[in-house]
Amino acid sequence: MLNALATIRARGVDLAVIETVGRRRDRPVSAAGNLAGRLIELERVEVRDNFGRRGVPVVGWHDNESLEAPLSALATWRRRARGRVAR
C-alpha cells in the first residue's frame, strides 16, 4: 500500500495521509512487549518521514477526537507548503 501511495504521488496526484493513532496501553506489558511497541513506533516514524520527503502531509487522528482536528492540521500544512512542494 505504501508503494502504491508513493507511486500515485510521483504521478503528481495531490495526496494526504491521515494516520490513525490508537490509545497507549495503561497496563504494563512485558519487556518484549515494550520492545515491540518501540519498534512499531520507529517504523511509523520512518513511514511518516518517507512521505514527508515526497511532499505528502501526514497528520495523526487519535481515536478520541473528531476528524475535524486532523483535517484542520492538514489545511494548515497545505497553506504553509503552498508553492514549496516538489513533485
N, C-alpha and C. Protein backbone atom coordinates (compact mmCIF):
# COMPACT_ATOMS: atom_id res chain seq x y z
N MET A 1 0.82 -1.17 0.00
CA MET A 1 0.00 0.00 0.00
C MET A 1 0.87 1.25 0.00
N LEU A 2 1.94 1.25 0.79
CA LEU A 2 2.81 2.43 0.87
C LEU A 2 3.46 2.71 -0.49
N ASN A 3 3.89 1.66 -1.18
CA ASN A 3 4.47 1.85 -2.51
C ASN A 3 3.44 2.40 -3.49
N ALA A 4 2.20 1.91 -3.39
CA ALA A 4 1.15 2.40 -4.28
C ALA A 4 0.90 3.89 -4.04
N LEU A 5 0.84 4.32 -2.78
CA LEU A 5 0.63 5.73 -2.47
C LEU A 5 1.81 6.57 -2.97
N ALA A 6 3.03 6.05 -2.82
CA ALA A 6 4.21 6.78 -3.31
C ALA A 6 4.16 6.91 -4.83
N THR A 7 3.71 5.87 -5.52
CA THR A 7 3.59 5.91 -6.98
C THR A 7 2.54 6.93 -7.41
N ILE A 8 1.42 6.95 -6.70
CA ILE A 8 0.37 7.92 -7.00
C ILE A 8 0.90 9.34 -6.84
N ARG A 9 1.63 9.58 -5.77
CA ARG A 9 2.20 10.92 -5.53
C ARG A 9 3.22 11.27 -6.60
N ALA A 10 4.04 10.29 -7.01
CA ALA A 10 5.06 10.54 -8.03
C ALA A 10 4.43 10.92 -9.37
N ARG A 11 3.20 10.52 -9.58
CA ARG A 11 2.48 10.87 -10.81
C ARG A 11 1.84 12.24 -10.74
N GLY A 12 2.06 12.94 -9.63
CA GLY A 12 1.58 14.31 -9.50
C GLY A 12 0.21 14.46 -8.87
N VAL A 13 -0.34 13.37 -8.36
CA VAL A 13 -1.66 13.44 -7.72
C VAL A 13 -1.51 14.06 -6.34
N ASP A 14 -2.42 14.99 -6.02
CA ASP A 14 -2.43 15.60 -4.70
C ASP A 14 -2.84 14.53 -3.70
N LEU A 15 -2.05 14.35 -2.66
CA LEU A 15 -2.24 13.23 -1.75
C LEU A 15 -1.98 13.69 -0.32
N ALA A 16 -2.75 13.17 0.60
CA ALA A 16 -2.53 13.39 2.03
C ALA A 16 -2.83 12.09 2.75
N VAL A 17 -2.17 11.88 3.89
CA VAL A 17 -2.36 10.67 4.68
C VAL A 17 -2.85 11.06 6.07
N ILE A 18 -3.92 10.41 6.49
CA ILE A 18 -4.40 10.57 7.86
C ILE A 18 -4.08 9.27 8.59
N GLU A 19 -3.17 9.36 9.54
CA GLU A 19 -2.71 8.19 10.29
C GLU A 19 -3.60 8.00 11.52
N THR A 20 -4.15 6.82 11.67
CA THR A 20 -4.95 6.55 12.87
C THR A 20 -4.00 6.22 14.01
N VAL A 21 -4.22 6.87 15.12
CA VAL A 21 -3.37 6.70 16.29
C VAL A 21 -4.25 6.20 17.43
N GLY A 22 -3.99 4.99 17.90
CA GLY A 22 -4.78 4.43 18.99
C GLY A 22 -4.26 4.85 20.34
N ARG A 23 -4.97 4.42 21.35
CA ARG A 23 -4.55 4.72 22.72
C ARG A 23 -3.39 3.82 23.13
N ARG A 24 -2.55 4.37 23.96
CA ARG A 24 -1.48 3.55 24.54
C ARG A 24 -2.06 2.70 25.65
N ARG A 25 -1.47 1.58 25.87
CA ARG A 25 -1.96 0.69 26.92
C ARG A 25 -1.67 1.27 28.29
N ASP A 26 -2.66 1.16 29.16
CA ASP A 26 -2.49 1.66 30.53
C ASP A 26 -1.77 0.64 31.40
N ARG A 27 -1.96 -0.61 31.09
CA ARG A 27 -1.36 -1.65 31.93
C ARG A 27 0.07 -1.94 31.45
N PRO A 28 0.95 -2.31 32.35
CA PRO A 28 2.32 -2.63 31.97
C PRO A 28 2.35 -3.90 31.11
N VAL A 29 3.27 -3.91 30.17
CA VAL A 29 3.48 -5.10 29.35
C VAL A 29 4.88 -5.63 29.62
N SER A 30 5.18 -6.78 29.07
CA SER A 30 6.48 -7.40 29.27
C SER A 30 7.58 -6.58 28.59
N ALA A 31 8.82 -6.91 28.89
CA ALA A 31 9.95 -6.24 28.24
C ALA A 31 9.90 -6.45 26.73
N ALA A 32 9.52 -7.65 26.32
CA ALA A 32 9.40 -7.94 24.88
C ALA A 32 8.28 -7.10 24.26
N GLY A 33 7.18 -6.95 25.00
CA GLY A 33 6.08 -6.13 24.52
C GLY A 33 6.48 -4.67 24.38
N ASN A 34 7.23 -4.17 25.33
CA ASN A 34 7.73 -2.79 25.26
C ASN A 34 8.64 -2.60 24.05
N LEU A 35 9.53 -3.57 23.83
CA LEU A 35 10.44 -3.50 22.69
C LEU A 35 9.66 -3.53 21.38
N ALA A 36 8.67 -4.40 21.30
CA ALA A 36 7.86 -4.48 20.09
C ALA A 36 7.15 -3.15 19.83
N GLY A 37 6.62 -2.54 20.88
CA GLY A 37 5.95 -1.26 20.74
C GLY A 37 6.89 -0.18 20.25
N ARG A 38 8.11 -0.17 20.76
CA ARG A 38 9.10 0.82 20.31
C ARG A 38 9.48 0.60 18.85
N LEU A 39 9.61 -0.67 18.44
CA LEU A 39 9.94 -0.97 17.04
C LEU A 39 8.81 -0.53 16.10
N ILE A 40 7.57 -0.78 16.52
CA ILE A 40 6.43 -0.36 15.70
C ILE A 40 6.42 1.16 15.56
N GLU A 41 6.68 1.87 16.64
CA GLU A 41 6.71 3.33 16.58
C GLU A 41 7.83 3.82 15.67
N LEU A 42 8.98 3.18 15.71
CA LEU A 42 10.09 3.57 14.82
C LEU A 42 9.70 3.36 13.35
N GLU A 43 8.99 2.28 13.06
CA GLU A 43 8.54 2.04 11.70
C GLU A 43 7.55 3.12 11.26
N ARG A 44 6.67 3.51 12.16
CA ARG A 44 5.70 4.56 11.83
C ARG A 44 6.40 5.88 11.56
N VAL A 45 7.42 6.20 12.35
CA VAL A 45 8.19 7.43 12.14
C VAL A 45 8.87 7.38 10.77
N GLU A 46 9.42 6.24 10.42
CA GLU A 46 10.08 6.09 9.12
C GLU A 46 9.09 6.32 7.97
N VAL A 47 7.90 5.76 8.09
CA VAL A 47 6.89 5.94 7.04
C VAL A 47 6.46 7.40 6.95
N ARG A 48 6.23 8.05 8.09
CA ARG A 48 5.87 9.47 8.07
C ARG A 48 6.97 10.30 7.42
N ASP A 49 8.22 10.04 7.79
CA ASP A 49 9.34 10.78 7.21
C ASP A 49 9.45 10.54 5.71
N ASN A 50 9.22 9.30 5.29
CA ASN A 50 9.29 8.96 3.87
C ASN A 50 8.25 9.76 3.08
N PHE A 51 7.03 9.81 3.58
CA PHE A 51 6.01 10.60 2.90
C PHE A 51 6.34 12.08 2.95
N GLY A 52 6.85 12.55 4.08
CA GLY A 52 7.23 13.96 4.19
C GLY A 52 8.27 14.37 3.17
N ARG A 53 9.25 13.50 2.93
CA ARG A 53 10.27 13.79 1.91
C ARG A 53 9.67 13.88 0.51
N ARG A 54 8.56 13.22 0.29
CA ARG A 54 7.88 13.25 -1.01
C ARG A 54 6.85 14.38 -1.10
N GLY A 55 6.74 15.18 -0.05
CA GLY A 55 5.80 16.28 -0.05
C GLY A 55 4.38 15.87 0.28
N VAL A 56 4.22 14.71 0.90
CA VAL A 56 2.90 14.22 1.29
C VAL A 56 2.69 14.50 2.77
N PRO A 57 1.69 15.31 3.11
CA PRO A 57 1.45 15.57 4.53
C PRO A 57 0.85 14.35 5.22
N VAL A 58 1.29 14.12 6.44
CA VAL A 58 0.76 13.05 7.28
C VAL A 58 0.31 13.69 8.58
N VAL A 59 -0.97 13.52 8.89
CA VAL A 59 -1.50 14.04 10.15
C VAL A 59 -2.07 12.89 10.95
N GLY A 60 -1.97 12.99 12.25
CA GLY A 60 -2.47 11.93 13.12
C GLY A 60 -3.92 12.18 13.53
N TRP A 61 -4.65 11.09 13.65
CA TRP A 61 -6.05 11.15 14.10
C TRP A 61 -6.20 10.21 15.27
N HIS A 62 -6.35 10.76 16.45
CA HIS A 62 -6.50 9.96 17.67
C HIS A 62 -7.93 9.48 17.79
N ASP A 63 -8.09 8.29 18.32
CA ASP A 63 -9.42 7.68 18.36
C ASP A 63 -10.40 8.40 19.28
N ASN A 64 -9.93 9.33 20.07
CA ASN A 64 -10.83 10.04 20.98
C ASN A 64 -11.13 11.47 20.53
N GLU A 65 -10.82 11.81 19.27
CA GLU A 65 -11.08 13.15 18.78
C GLU A 65 -11.88 13.10 17.49
N SER A 66 -12.49 14.22 17.16
CA SER A 66 -13.25 14.28 15.91
C SER A 66 -12.27 14.37 14.74
N LEU A 67 -12.77 14.11 13.57
CA LEU A 67 -11.94 14.19 12.38
C LEU A 67 -11.59 15.63 12.03
N GLU A 68 -12.27 16.58 12.64
CA GLU A 68 -12.04 17.99 12.36
C GLU A 68 -10.61 18.42 12.71
N ALA A 69 -10.05 17.91 13.80
CA ALA A 69 -8.70 18.30 14.22
C ALA A 69 -7.64 17.94 13.18
N PRO A 70 -7.57 16.68 12.71
CA PRO A 70 -6.54 16.39 11.71
C PRO A 70 -6.80 17.08 10.37
N LEU A 71 -8.06 17.28 10.01
CA LEU A 71 -8.34 17.99 8.76
C LEU A 71 -7.91 19.45 8.86
N SER A 72 -8.06 20.05 10.02
CA SER A 72 -7.58 21.41 10.24
C SER A 72 -6.05 21.47 10.16
N ALA A 73 -5.40 20.47 10.77
CA ALA A 73 -3.92 20.41 10.70
C ALA A 73 -3.47 20.24 9.26
N LEU A 74 -4.20 19.46 8.49
CA LEU A 74 -3.86 19.25 7.08
C LEU A 74 -4.01 20.56 6.30
N ALA A 75 -5.07 21.30 6.55
CA ALA A 75 -5.28 22.58 5.88
C ALA A 75 -4.16 23.55 6.22
N THR A 76 -3.73 23.57 7.47
CA THR A 76 -2.62 24.43 7.89
C THR A 76 -1.34 24.03 7.16
N TRP A 77 -1.07 22.73 7.09
CA TRP A 77 0.13 22.24 6.40
C TRP A 77 0.10 22.67 4.94
N ARG A 78 -1.04 22.53 4.30
CA ARG A 78 -1.16 22.89 2.88
C ARG A 78 -0.93 24.38 2.66
N ARG A 79 -1.47 25.23 3.56
CA ARG A 79 -1.25 26.67 3.42
C ARG A 79 0.23 27.01 3.51
N ARG A 80 0.92 26.38 4.44
CA ARG A 80 2.35 26.66 4.62
C ARG A 80 3.21 26.11 3.48
N ALA A 81 2.79 24.98 2.94
CA ALA A 81 3.59 24.31 1.91
C ALA A 81 3.27 24.79 0.50
N ARG A 82 2.23 25.56 0.35
CA ARG A 82 1.82 26.00 -0.99
C ARG A 82 3.01 26.64 -1.72
N GLY A 83 3.30 26.10 -2.85
CA GLY A 83 4.40 26.63 -3.64
C GLY A 83 5.76 26.03 -3.33
N ARG A 84 5.87 25.25 -2.25
CA ARG A 84 7.16 24.68 -1.87
C ARG A 84 7.24 23.18 -2.11
N VAL A 85 6.12 22.52 -2.43
CA VAL A 85 6.10 21.08 -2.55
C VAL A 85 6.66 20.67 -3.90
N ALA A 86 7.69 19.82 -3.85
CA ALA A 86 8.30 19.31 -5.08
C ALA A 86 7.53 18.08 -5.54
N ARG A 87 7.33 17.98 -6.82
CA ARG A 87 6.63 16.79 -7.36
C ARG A 87 7.57 15.88 -8.05
